[in-house]
Amino acid sequence: MAKNILILNGSPKKNGNTSKLVEWFVQGARLNGGEVEIIRAALLSYWGQVFNLDIFQSKE
């Protein structure tokens, strides 16, 4: 069964050490059947967003 893997890369450097480490990890994961998605958090815009904390509470 393939594993779904989400990587959050928070480094602002596009070609820095963290990005290289992430790429090595992705190569290994894909060679072993993993499905990988990378999100570069430094490129996301959070200005003005309000987070819904209800998702962290159990739904009974």
Protein backbone atom coordinates (compact mmCIF):
# COMPACT_ATOMS: atom_id res chain seq x y z
CA MET A 1 0.00 0.00 0.00
CA ALA A 2 1.38 3.41 -0.97
CA LYS A 3 1.92 5.95 1.78
CA ASN A 4 0.75 9.52 1.34
CA ILE A 5 3.40 11.93 2.58
CA LEU A 6 3.00 15.67 3.07
CA ILE A 7 6.18 17.69 3.56
CA LEU A 8 6.03 21.22 4.94
CA ASN A 9 9.21 23.03 3.98
CA GLY A 10 9.42 26.24 5.99
CA SER A 11 12.73 27.45 4.62
CA PRO A 12 12.63 30.71 2.67
CA LYS A 13 15.65 29.60 0.60
CA LYS A 14 14.58 27.90 -2.62
CA ASN A 15 17.87 26.03 -3.11
CA GLY A 16 19.09 25.86 0.47
CA ASN A 17 20.13 22.87 2.55
CA THR A 18 16.57 22.17 3.73
CA SER A 19 15.30 22.01 0.15
CA LYS A 20 18.08 19.61 -0.81
CA LEU A 21 17.28 17.39 2.17
CA VAL A 22 13.59 17.43 1.23
CA GLU A 23 14.41 16.43 -2.36
CA TRP A 24 16.56 13.51 -1.17
CA PHE A 25 13.73 12.36 1.08
CA VAL A 26 11.21 12.67 -1.76
CA GLN A 27 13.38 10.59 -4.09
CA GLY A 28 13.65 7.81 -1.51
CA ALA A 29 9.96 7.90 -0.68
CA ARG A 30 8.91 7.74 -4.33
CA LEU A 31 11.33 4.88 -5.04
CA ASN A 32 9.56 2.95 -2.28
CA GLY A 33 6.06 3.65 -3.61
CA GLY A 34 5.22 6.77 -1.63
CA GLU A 35 3.06 9.59 -2.92
CA VAL A 36 4.64 12.88 -1.88
CA GLU A 37 3.38 16.45 -1.85
CA ILE A 38 5.60 19.37 -0.84
CA ILE A 39 4.26 22.65 0.51
CA ARG A 40 6.72 25.53 0.71
CA ALA A 41 5.31 27.36 3.72
CA ALA A 42 7.48 30.42 3.14
CA LEU A 43 5.53 31.12 -0.05
CA LEU A 44 2.09 30.97 1.58
CA SER A 45 0.22 34.13 2.49
CA TYR A 46 -1.45 34.18 5.90
CA TRP A 47 -2.27 37.87 6.01
CA GLY A 48 -5.79 38.40 7.31
CA GLN A 49 -6.68 34.75 7.75
CA VAL A 50 -8.62 33.57 10.77
CA PHE A 51 -8.08 29.98 11.81
CA ASN A 52 -11.04 27.83 12.82
CA LEU A 53 -9.93 26.11 16.01
CA ASP A 54 -13.08 23.96 16.09
CA ILE A 55 -11.30 21.41 13.90
CA PHE A 56 -9.09 20.52 16.87
CA GLN A 57 -12.02 19.69 19.14
CA SER A 58 -13.53 16.22 19.17
CA LYS A 59 -16.89 15.87 17.45
CA GLU A 60 -19.27 13.79 19.54
